[in-house]
Amino acid sequence: MYGVPGSHNRPPGSFMVRNEAQDGTVFVNEGDGDVTYDTNGAVCLEAPKGSVVLLHGSFLHFSDDNTSPHSRWAYTMHYVEKDAQWDPRNWLQRDETLPFRPSFEVTV
């Protein structure tokens, strides 16, 4: 995996959203024109097998094509502030039968 240092300081220019048929996802650009990402200066983010890698949601990261016969498995967690307004277009949706759950409660 590779990442572009400092890219988390820039708001993302495109977002993965559900398509109109609600059976897949597409990328949409926010703002004017096409979004291009400068991957010059990307550094290798080498991690041993079985490692946990945490990335900021705006951090530009990518991998080369997997040319091995083995899958690359990933488990993704999304943490969102409790009061956040969830965009109904967001690719990650839960319905009332399986709502988002808080990972912890803070009491003062």
C-alpha atoms as a PDB file:
ATOM      1  CA  MET A   1       0.000   0.000   0.000  1.00  0.00           C
ATOM      2  CA  TYR A   2       1.106   3.555  -0.677  1.00  0.00           C
ATOM      3  CA  GLY A   3       0.020   6.844   0.844  1.00  0.00           C
ATOM      4  CA  VAL A   4       0.544  10.518   0.140  1.00  0.00           C
ATOM      5  CA  PRO A   5       1.869  12.329   3.233  1.00  0.00           C
ATOM      6  CA  GLY A   6      -0.236  15.337   4.209  1.00  0.00           C
ATOM      7  CA  SER A   7      -3.165  14.409   1.952  1.00  0.00           C
ATOM      8  CA  HIS A   8      -5.455  14.121   4.979  1.00  0.00           C
ATOM      9  CA  ASN A   9      -5.223  17.908   5.356  1.00  0.00           C
ATOM     10  CA  ARG A  10      -7.176  18.444   2.134  1.00  0.00           C
ATOM     11  CA  PRO A  11     -10.907  17.680   1.981  1.00  0.00           C
ATOM     12  CA  PRO A  12     -11.766  14.753  -0.279  1.00  0.00           C
ATOM     13  CA  GLY A  13     -12.858  15.702  -3.786  1.00  0.00           C
ATOM     14  CA  SER A  14     -14.919  12.620  -4.557  1.00  0.00           C
ATOM     15  CA  PHE A  15     -17.125  10.310  -2.575  1.00  0.00           C
ATOM     16  CA  MET A  16     -18.363   6.758  -3.016  1.00  0.00           C
ATOM     17  CA  VAL A  17     -22.170   6.769  -3.027  1.00  0.00           C
ATOM     18  CA  ARG A  18     -24.934   4.319  -3.793  1.00  0.00           C
ATOM     19  CA  ASN A  19     -26.033   4.248  -7.406  1.00  0.00           C
ATOM     20  CA  GLU A  20     -29.592   5.151  -8.420  1.00  0.00           C
ATOM     21  CA  ALA A  21     -30.679   1.496  -8.489  1.00  0.00           C
ATOM     22  CA  GLN A  22     -29.367   1.066  -4.917  1.00  0.00           C
ATOM     23  CA  ASP A  23     -27.553  -2.123  -5.947  1.00  0.00           C
ATOM     24  CA  GLY A  24     -23.992  -0.841  -6.241  1.00  0.00           C
ATOM     25  CA  THR A  25     -21.714   2.138  -5.799  1.00  0.00           C
ATOM     26  CA  VAL A  26     -20.238   4.916  -7.930  1.00  0.00           C
ATOM     27  CA  PHE A  27     -17.831   7.785  -7.291  1.00  0.00           C
ATOM     28  CA  VAL A  28     -19.181  11.322  -7.523  1.00  0.00           C
ATOM     29  CA  ASN A  29     -17.161  14.511  -7.581  1.00  0.00           C
ATOM     30  CA  GLU A  30     -17.949  17.380  -5.263  1.00  0.00           C
ATOM     31  CA  GLY A  31     -17.234  20.808  -6.725  1.00  0.00           C
ATOM     32  CA  ASP A  32     -16.246  21.756 -10.246  1.00  0.00           C
ATOM     33  CA  GLY A  33     -14.778  19.422 -12.834  1.00  0.00           C
ATOM     34  CA  ASP A  34     -12.853  16.214 -12.531  1.00  0.00           C
ATOM     35  CA  VAL A  35     -10.972  15.387  -9.389  1.00  0.00           C
ATOM     36  CA  THR A  36      -7.368  14.445  -9.931  1.00  0.00           C
ATOM     37  CA  TYR A  37      -5.052  13.239  -7.228  1.00  0.00           C
ATOM     38  CA  ASP A  38      -1.352  13.923  -7.215  1.00  0.00           C
ATOM     39  CA  THR A  39       0.353  10.709  -6.159  1.00  0.00           C
ATOM     40  CA  ASN A  40       3.841  12.165  -6.554  1.00  0.00           C
ATOM     41  CA  GLY A  41       5.567  11.873  -3.229  1.00  0.00           C
ATOM     42  CA  ALA A  42       3.635   8.766  -2.239  1.00  0.00           C
ATOM     43  CA  VAL A  43       5.495   6.546   0.185  1.00  0.00           C
ATOM     44  CA  CYS A  44       5.268   2.812   0.742  1.00  0.00           C
ATOM     45  CA  LEU A  45       3.232   1.903   3.836  1.00  0.00           C
ATOM     46  CA  GLU A  46       4.733  -1.483   4.475  1.00  0.00           C
ATOM     47  CA  ALA A  47       3.067  -3.577   7.168  1.00  0.00           C
ATOM     48  CA  PRO A  48       3.711  -7.181   8.142  1.00  0.00           C
ATOM     49  CA  LYS A  49       1.029  -9.792   7.441  1.00  0.00           C
ATOM     50  CA  GLY A  50      -1.744  -9.565  10.029  1.00  0.00           C
ATOM     51  CA  SER A  51      -1.076  -5.911  10.891  1.00  0.00           C
ATOM     52  CA  VAL A  52      -3.781  -3.393  11.703  1.00  0.00           C
ATOM     53  CA  VAL A  53      -3.529  -0.174   9.684  1.00  0.00           C
ATOM     54  CA  LEU A  54      -5.548   2.903  10.664  1.00  0.00           C
ATOM     55  CA  LEU A  55      -6.091   5.638   8.084  1.00  0.00           C
ATOM     56  CA  HIS A  56      -7.768   9.041   8.270  1.00  0.00           C
ATOM     57  CA  GLY A  57     -10.844   9.193   6.025  1.00  0.00           C
ATOM     58  CA  SER A  58      -9.270  11.859   3.806  1.00  0.00           C
ATOM     59  CA  PHE A  59      -5.852  10.190   3.543  1.00  0.00           C
ATOM     60  CA  LEU A  60      -5.049   9.359  -0.088  1.00  0.00           C
ATOM     61  CA  HIS A  61      -3.943   5.730  -0.207  1.00  0.00           C
ATOM     62  CA  PHE A  62      -3.786   3.118  -2.948  1.00  0.00           C
ATOM     63  CA  SER A  63      -2.306  -0.215  -3.972  1.00  0.00           C
ATOM     64  CA  ASP A  64      -0.950  -1.658  -7.159  1.00  0.00           C
ATOM     65  CA  ASP A  65      -2.856  -4.440  -8.900  1.00  0.00           C
ATOM     66  CA  ASN A  66      -2.850  -7.736  -7.043  1.00  0.00           C
ATOM     67  CA  THR A  67      -1.110 -10.122  -9.445  1.00  0.00           C
ATOM     68  CA  SER A  68      -0.966 -13.021  -6.976  1.00  0.00           C
ATOM     69  CA  PRO A  69      -3.568 -15.803  -6.867  1.00  0.00           C
ATOM     70  CA  HIS A  70      -4.403 -14.763  -3.268  1.00  0.00           C
ATOM     71  CA  SER A  71      -7.060 -12.259  -2.230  1.00  0.00           C
ATOM     72  CA  ARG A  72      -6.222  -9.180  -0.212  1.00  0.00           C
ATOM     73  CA  TRP A  73      -8.609  -9.188   2.702  1.00  0.00           C
ATOM     74  CA  ALA A  74      -9.554  -6.000   4.500  1.00  0.00           C
ATOM     75  CA  TYR A  75     -11.842  -5.210   7.405  1.00  0.00           C
ATOM     76  CA  THR A  76     -13.102  -1.653   7.567  1.00  0.00           C
ATOM     77  CA  MET A  77     -14.453   0.266  10.553  1.00  0.00           C
ATOM     78  CA  HIS A  78     -16.014   3.701  10.247  1.00  0.00           C
ATOM     79  CA  TYR A  79     -16.146   5.978  13.251  1.00  0.00           C
ATOM     80  CA  VAL A  80     -18.507   8.922  13.021  1.00  0.00           C
ATOM     81  CA  GLU A  81     -19.362  11.558  15.582  1.00  0.00           C
ATOM     82  CA  LYS A  82     -22.667  10.850  17.295  1.00  0.00           C
ATOM     83  CA  ASP A  83     -24.242  14.126  16.137  1.00  0.00           C
ATOM     84  CA  ALA A  84     -23.009  13.816  12.541  1.00  0.00           C
ATOM     85  CA  GLN A  85     -25.587  14.261   9.803  1.00  0.00           C
ATOM     86  CA  TRP A  86     -25.416  11.058   7.731  1.00  0.00           C
ATOM     87  CA  ASP A  87     -25.693  11.660   3.993  1.00  0.00           C
ATOM     88  CA  PRO A  88     -28.441   9.415   2.571  1.00  0.00           C
ATOM     89  CA  ARG A  89     -26.310   8.973  -0.573  1.00  0.00           C
ATOM     90  CA  ASN A  90     -23.422   7.489   1.437  1.00  0.00           C
ATOM     91  CA  TRP A  91     -22.462   4.004   0.253  1.00  0.00           C
ATOM     92  CA  LEU A  92     -22.541   2.741   3.839  1.00  0.00           C
ATOM     93  CA  GLN A  93     -26.128   2.524   5.014  1.00  0.00           C
ATOM     94  CA  ARG A  94     -27.894   0.657   7.790  1.00  0.00           C
ATOM     95  CA  ASP A  95     -31.647   0.388   8.189  1.00  0.00           C
ATOM     96  CA  GLU A  96     -33.829   0.228  11.297  1.00  0.00           C
ATOM     97  CA  THR A  97     -33.318  -3.547  11.581  1.00  0.00           C
ATOM     98  CA  LEU A  98     -29.565  -3.091  11.933  1.00  0.00           C
ATOM     99  CA  PRO A  99     -28.882   0.479  13.108  1.00  0.00           C
ATOM    100  CA  PHE A 100     -25.482   2.048  13.730  1.00  0.00           C
ATOM    101  CA  ARG A 101     -24.339   1.366  17.271  1.00  0.00           C
ATOM    102  CA  PRO A 102     -22.199   3.542  19.519  1.00  0.00           C
ATOM    103  CA  SER A 103     -18.819   1.994  20.260  1.00  0.00           C
ATOM    104  CA  PHE A 104     -18.778   3.609  23.702  1.00  0.00           C
ATOM    105  CA  GLU A 105     -20.797   5.975  25.819  1.00  0.00           C
ATOM    106  CA  VAL A 106     -19.309   9.018  27.540  1.00  0.00           C
ATOM    107  CA  THR A 107     -20.854  10.161  30.786  1.00  0.00           C
ATOM    108  CA  VAL A 108     -19.870  13.329  32.578  1.00  0.00           C
END
